Amino acid sequence: MAISKELLAILACPKCKGEIHLNEKEDGLICDRCNLIYEIRDGFPIMLIDEARELKP
């Protein structure tokens, strides 16, 4: 299940409040500023800082 464009437009990184975008696989939301990815599970973004993974350099 894909994330709607309307939802993407209002979501922000919970850590820095910056913009986020879908990754290539469309299974996570990336914050470039924090270098974090928030997983999308069953069509729902998990926007918890403790659940986010650090992106590999």
Protein backbone atom coordinates (compact mmCIF):
# COMPACT_ATOMS: atom_id res chain seq x y z
CA MET A 1 0.00 0.00 0.00
CA ALA A 2 1.51 3.32 -1.07
CA ILE A 3 1.57 6.52 0.95
CA SER A 4 -0.68 9.18 -0.55
CA LYS A 5 0.85 12.39 -1.85
CA GLU A 6 -1.45 14.35 0.47
CA LEU A 7 -0.05 12.54 3.51
CA LEU A 8 3.53 13.02 2.33
CA ALA A 9 2.89 16.74 1.93
CA ILE A 10 1.98 17.16 5.62
CA LEU A 11 4.45 14.75 7.25
CA ALA A 12 7.68 16.09 8.74
CA CYS A 13 10.62 14.53 10.52
CA PRO A 14 9.68 14.26 14.21
CA LYS A 15 13.27 14.97 15.25
CA CYS A 16 14.10 18.15 13.30
CA LYS A 17 10.68 19.01 11.81
CA GLY A 18 12.34 19.04 8.36
CA GLU A 19 11.14 17.64 5.05
CA ILE A 20 11.04 13.92 4.40
CA HIS A 21 10.76 11.94 1.18
CA LEU A 22 10.14 8.36 0.08
CA ASN A 23 13.12 6.14 -0.52
CA GLU A 24 13.53 4.30 -3.85
CA LYS A 25 11.87 1.10 -2.61
CA GLU A 26 8.97 3.17 -1.18
CA ASP A 27 9.22 1.28 2.11
CA GLY A 28 10.60 4.16 4.17
CA LEU A 29 10.67 7.91 4.62
CA ILE A 30 14.05 9.64 4.63
CA CYS A 31 15.12 12.77 6.46
CA ASP A 32 18.33 13.95 4.80
CA ARG A 33 19.03 16.49 7.54
CA CYS A 34 19.01 13.87 10.34
CA ASN A 35 20.28 11.04 8.11
CA LEU A 36 17.41 8.83 9.35
CA ILE A 37 14.89 6.54 7.69
CA TYR A 38 11.44 5.92 9.15
CA GLU A 39 10.03 2.54 8.12
CA ILE A 40 6.62 2.15 6.50
CA ARG A 41 4.80 -0.93 7.84
CA ASP A 42 1.52 -2.13 6.36
CA GLY A 43 1.09 1.23 4.65
CA PHE A 44 1.62 3.27 7.83
CA PRO A 45 4.74 5.37 8.44
CA ILE A 46 6.31 4.69 11.84
CA MET A 47 7.26 8.24 12.80
CA LEU A 48 8.91 7.47 16.14
CA ILE A 49 12.46 8.72 16.66
CA ASP A 50 13.37 5.60 18.66
CA GLU A 51 12.20 3.38 15.78
CA ALA A 52 14.13 5.27 13.07
CA ARG A 53 17.29 3.76 11.59
CA GLU A 54 20.42 5.70 10.73
CA LEU A 55 21.21 5.71 7.01
CA LYS A 56 24.47 4.20 5.89
CA PRO A 57 26.99 6.78 4.65
